[in-house]
Amino acid sequence: MAESKKRKKDGKEASDDTEITSWTDGIPLSPRWWAPLFITLMVVGLVWLMVYYITSGTYPIPAIGLWNLVVGLVIMLVGFLMTLRWR
């Protein structure tokens, strides 16, 4: 059986870990309150929708009717969008 060809090395190997830089260098970390806030927003939005469905539209704000769904979904969407910026 034929032996496979070996690749040539160009001699450019990293001799130390300090030569390899991470792609995250220079990106600032999120504040400490960022993660608890987006988790809270997603939970509050979910609870808003659950309260609306369980009470058949009587709560949380009876005057706006079906717009309660929009309010709950927007709160959850803001929390989700915050997860995309979390570092």
N, C-alpha and C. Protein backbone atom coordinates (compact mmCIF):
# COMPACT_ATOMS: atom_id res chain seq x y z
N MET A 1 0.84 -1.16 0.00
CA MET A 1 0.00 0.00 0.00
C MET A 1 0.89 1.23 0.00
N ALA A 2 0.53 2.23 -0.77
CA ALA A 2 1.34 3.44 -0.89
C ALA A 2 1.24 4.29 0.37
N GLU A 3 2.35 4.89 0.71
CA GLU A 3 2.39 5.76 1.88
C GLU A 3 1.99 7.17 1.44
N SER A 4 1.15 7.84 2.27
CA SER A 4 0.70 9.18 1.91
C SER A 4 1.83 10.19 2.05
N LYS A 5 1.75 11.23 1.24
CA LYS A 5 2.77 12.26 1.27
C LYS A 5 2.65 13.08 2.54
N LYS A 6 3.77 13.48 3.08
CA LYS A 6 3.77 14.32 4.27
C LYS A 6 3.83 15.78 3.84
N ARG A 7 3.12 16.60 4.59
CA ARG A 7 3.10 18.03 4.28
C ARG A 7 4.36 18.70 4.76
N LYS A 8 4.79 19.67 4.02
CA LYS A 8 5.97 20.44 4.40
C LYS A 8 5.57 21.50 5.40
N LYS A 9 6.42 21.72 6.37
CA LYS A 9 6.19 22.77 7.35
C LYS A 9 6.98 24.00 6.93
N ASP A 10 6.36 25.14 7.10
CA ASP A 10 7.04 26.37 6.70
C ASP A 10 7.88 26.96 7.83
N GLY A 11 7.90 26.32 8.97
CA GLY A 11 8.75 26.75 10.07
C GLY A 11 8.16 27.87 10.91
N LYS A 12 6.91 28.24 10.68
CA LYS A 12 6.28 29.31 11.43
C LYS A 12 5.37 28.71 12.49
N GLU A 13 5.92 28.21 13.54
CA GLU A 13 5.14 27.65 14.62
C GLU A 13 5.20 28.59 15.82
N ALA A 14 4.12 28.66 16.56
CA ALA A 14 4.09 29.49 17.75
C ALA A 14 4.91 28.82 18.83
N SER A 15 5.92 29.52 19.29
CA SER A 15 6.79 28.92 20.30
C SER A 15 6.28 29.17 21.71
N ASP A 16 5.39 30.12 21.86
CA ASP A 16 4.91 30.45 23.19
C ASP A 16 3.43 30.83 23.09
N ASP A 17 2.68 30.62 24.17
CA ASP A 17 1.26 30.95 24.17
C ASP A 17 1.01 32.46 24.11
N THR A 18 2.00 33.25 24.46
CA THR A 18 1.81 34.70 24.46
C THR A 18 1.75 35.25 23.04
N GLU A 19 2.21 34.51 22.06
CA GLU A 19 2.17 34.98 20.68
C GLU A 19 0.78 34.86 20.08
N ILE A 20 -0.03 33.99 20.63
CA ILE A 20 -1.38 33.78 20.10
C ILE A 20 -2.33 34.72 20.84
N THR A 21 -2.98 35.59 20.09
CA THR A 21 -3.92 36.52 20.71
C THR A 21 -5.34 36.06 20.45
N SER A 22 -6.19 36.33 21.39
CA SER A 22 -7.58 35.93 21.27
C SER A 22 -8.36 36.98 20.48
N TRP A 23 -9.39 36.57 19.79
CA TRP A 23 -10.21 37.51 19.03
C TRP A 23 -11.05 38.38 19.95
N THR A 24 -11.17 38.01 21.23
CA THR A 24 -11.95 38.80 22.17
C THR A 24 -11.14 39.89 22.85
N ASP A 25 -9.86 39.98 22.56
CA ASP A 25 -9.05 41.04 23.15
C ASP A 25 -9.55 42.40 22.68
N GLY A 26 -9.71 43.30 23.61
CA GLY A 26 -10.17 44.64 23.26
C GLY A 26 -11.67 44.83 23.34
N ILE A 27 -12.44 43.76 23.48
CA ILE A 27 -13.89 43.88 23.62
C ILE A 27 -14.20 44.03 25.10
N PRO A 28 -14.83 45.14 25.48
CA PRO A 28 -15.11 45.34 26.91
C PRO A 28 -16.17 44.36 27.40
N LEU A 29 -16.05 43.96 28.64
CA LEU A 29 -17.04 43.07 29.25
C LEU A 29 -18.28 43.85 29.63
N SER A 30 -19.40 43.16 29.72
CA SER A 30 -20.65 43.78 30.12
C SER A 30 -20.61 44.10 31.61
N PRO A 31 -21.39 45.10 32.02
CA PRO A 31 -21.47 45.40 33.45
C PRO A 31 -22.07 44.22 34.22
N ARG A 32 -21.85 44.20 35.51
CA ARG A 32 -22.32 43.08 36.34
C ARG A 32 -23.84 42.97 36.36
N TRP A 33 -24.55 44.08 36.16
CA TRP A 33 -26.01 44.08 36.22
C TRP A 33 -26.65 43.64 34.92
N TRP A 34 -25.88 43.46 33.87
CA TRP A 34 -26.43 43.16 32.55
C TRP A 34 -27.18 41.82 32.52
N ALA A 35 -26.53 40.75 32.96
CA ALA A 35 -27.15 39.42 32.91
C ALA A 35 -28.39 39.31 33.81
N PRO A 36 -28.33 39.79 35.07
CA PRO A 36 -29.56 39.71 35.87
C PRO A 36 -30.71 40.52 35.28
N LEU A 37 -30.40 41.63 34.62
CA LEU A 37 -31.45 42.44 34.03
C LEU A 37 -32.13 41.73 32.86
N PHE A 38 -31.34 41.14 31.95
CA PHE A 38 -32.01 40.50 30.81
C PHE A 38 -32.75 39.24 31.22
N ILE A 39 -32.26 38.53 32.21
CA ILE A 39 -33.01 37.37 32.71
C ILE A 39 -34.31 37.82 33.36
N THR A 40 -34.24 38.91 34.14
CA THR A 40 -35.44 39.45 34.78
C THR A 40 -36.46 39.91 33.75
N LEU A 41 -36.00 40.57 32.70
CA LEU A 41 -36.93 41.03 31.66
C LEU A 41 -37.62 39.86 30.97
N MET A 42 -36.88 38.82 30.67
CA MET A 42 -37.51 37.67 30.01
C MET A 42 -38.52 36.98 30.93
N VAL A 43 -38.21 36.89 32.21
CA VAL A 43 -39.14 36.27 33.16
C VAL A 43 -40.37 37.14 33.36
N VAL A 44 -40.18 38.46 33.48
CA VAL A 44 -41.32 39.37 33.66
C VAL A 44 -42.24 39.32 32.44
N GLY A 45 -41.67 39.29 31.25
CA GLY A 45 -42.48 39.17 30.05
C GLY A 45 -43.28 37.88 30.02
N LEU A 46 -42.64 36.79 30.41
CA LEU A 46 -43.34 35.50 30.46
C LEU A 46 -44.45 35.51 31.49
N VAL A 47 -44.18 36.06 32.66
CA VAL A 47 -45.21 36.14 33.70
C VAL A 47 -46.35 37.04 33.25
N TRP A 48 -46.03 38.12 32.55
CA TRP A 48 -47.07 39.02 32.02
C TRP A 48 -48.03 38.25 31.11
N LEU A 49 -47.45 37.47 30.20
CA LEU A 49 -48.30 36.69 29.29
C LEU A 49 -49.09 35.62 30.03
N MET A 50 -48.47 34.97 31.00
CA MET A 50 -49.18 33.93 31.75
C MET A 50 -50.34 34.52 32.53
N VAL A 51 -50.13 35.68 33.16
CA VAL A 51 -51.21 36.33 33.92
C VAL A 51 -52.34 36.71 32.97
N TYR A 52 -52.00 37.21 31.80
CA TYR A 52 -53.03 37.59 30.83
C TYR A 52 -53.87 36.37 30.42
N TYR A 53 -53.21 35.26 30.13
CA TYR A 53 -53.95 34.07 29.70
C TYR A 53 -54.74 33.43 30.83
N ILE A 54 -54.15 33.37 32.02
CA ILE A 54 -54.83 32.71 33.14
C ILE A 54 -56.07 33.49 33.57
N THR A 55 -55.98 34.83 33.54
CA THR A 55 -57.12 35.65 33.97
C THR A 55 -58.06 36.00 32.82
N SER A 56 -57.88 35.44 31.66
CA SER A 56 -58.72 35.67 30.49
C SER A 56 -58.81 37.15 30.12
N GLY A 57 -57.71 37.86 30.24
CA GLY A 57 -57.66 39.26 29.82
C GLY A 57 -58.07 40.26 30.88
N THR A 58 -58.40 39.80 32.09
CA THR A 58 -58.79 40.71 33.16
C THR A 58 -57.59 41.49 33.69
N TYR A 59 -56.47 40.85 33.79
CA TYR A 59 -55.23 41.47 34.27
C TYR A 59 -54.16 41.27 33.22
N PRO A 60 -53.06 41.88 33.19
CA PRO A 60 -52.49 42.91 34.04
C PRO A 60 -53.08 44.29 33.80
N ILE A 61 -53.42 44.68 32.57
CA ILE A 61 -54.05 45.98 32.31
C ILE A 61 -55.31 45.70 31.48
N PRO A 62 -56.47 45.72 32.10
CA PRO A 62 -57.68 45.35 31.38
C PRO A 62 -58.07 46.32 30.26
N ALA A 63 -57.68 47.57 30.36
CA ALA A 63 -58.12 48.57 29.38
C ALA A 63 -57.48 48.39 28.00
N ILE A 64 -56.33 47.75 27.93
CA ILE A 64 -55.66 47.66 26.63
C ILE A 64 -55.95 46.36 25.90
N GLY A 65 -56.63 45.44 26.53
CA GLY A 65 -57.09 44.21 25.86
C GLY A 65 -55.96 43.36 25.31
N LEU A 66 -56.03 43.08 23.99
CA LEU A 66 -55.03 42.22 23.35
C LEU A 66 -53.64 42.83 23.29
N TRP A 67 -53.53 44.13 23.50
CA TRP A 67 -52.21 44.76 23.50
C TRP A 67 -51.36 44.26 24.67
N ASN A 68 -52.00 43.60 25.64
CA ASN A 68 -51.22 42.97 26.72
C ASN A 68 -50.25 41.93 26.15
N LEU A 69 -50.67 41.26 25.08
CA LEU A 69 -49.78 40.29 24.43
C LEU A 69 -48.55 40.99 23.85
N VAL A 70 -48.79 42.13 23.23
CA VAL A 70 -47.69 42.88 22.63
C VAL A 70 -46.73 43.37 23.72
N VAL A 71 -47.29 43.86 24.81
CA VAL A 71 -46.45 44.36 25.92
C VAL A 71 -45.58 43.23 26.46
N GLY A 72 -46.17 42.09 26.72
CA GLY A 72 -45.40 40.95 27.24
C GLY A 72 -44.33 40.49 26.27
N LEU A 73 -44.66 40.41 24.99
CA LEU A 73 -43.69 39.97 23.99
C LEU A 73 -42.56 40.99 23.81
N VAL A 74 -42.87 42.27 23.88
CA VAL A 74 -41.83 43.30 23.75
C VAL A 74 -40.88 43.25 24.93
N ILE A 75 -41.41 43.04 26.12
CA ILE A 75 -40.54 42.93 27.30
C ILE A 75 -39.60 41.74 27.14
N MET A 76 -40.14 40.61 26.68
CA MET A 76 -39.30 39.44 26.45
C MET A 76 -38.29 39.67 25.33
N LEU A 77 -38.69 40.37 24.28
CA LEU A 77 -37.81 40.65 23.15
C LEU A 77 -36.64 41.55 23.57
N VAL A 78 -36.91 42.54 24.40
CA VAL A 78 -35.82 43.40 24.90
C VAL A 78 -34.83 42.56 25.70
N GLY A 79 -35.32 41.67 26.54
CA GLY A 79 -34.43 40.79 27.29
C GLY A 79 -33.62 39.89 26.38
N PHE A 80 -34.25 39.36 25.33
CA PHE A 80 -33.53 38.50 24.40
C PHE A 80 -32.47 39.28 23.63
N LEU A 81 -32.80 40.48 23.18
CA LEU A 81 -31.82 41.29 22.45
C LEU A 81 -30.64 41.67 23.34
N MET A 82 -30.88 41.80 24.62
CA MET A 82 -29.77 42.08 25.54
C MET A 82 -28.81 40.91 25.63
N THR A 83 -29.32 39.68 25.44
CA THR A 83 -28.44 38.52 25.49
C THR A 83 -27.43 38.54 24.35
N LEU A 84 -27.80 39.16 23.23
CA LEU A 84 -26.89 39.21 22.09
C LEU A 84 -25.71 40.14 22.32
N ARG A 85 -25.85 41.10 23.24
CA ARG A 85 -24.77 42.04 23.52
C ARG A 85 -23.97 41.67 24.76
N TRP A 86 -24.28 40.54 25.36
CA TRP A 86 -23.64 40.13 26.61
C TRP A 86 -22.24 39.58 26.32
N ARG A 87 -21.25 40.06 27.03
CA ARG A 87 -19.87 39.59 26.87
C ARG A 87 -19.39 39.01 28.17
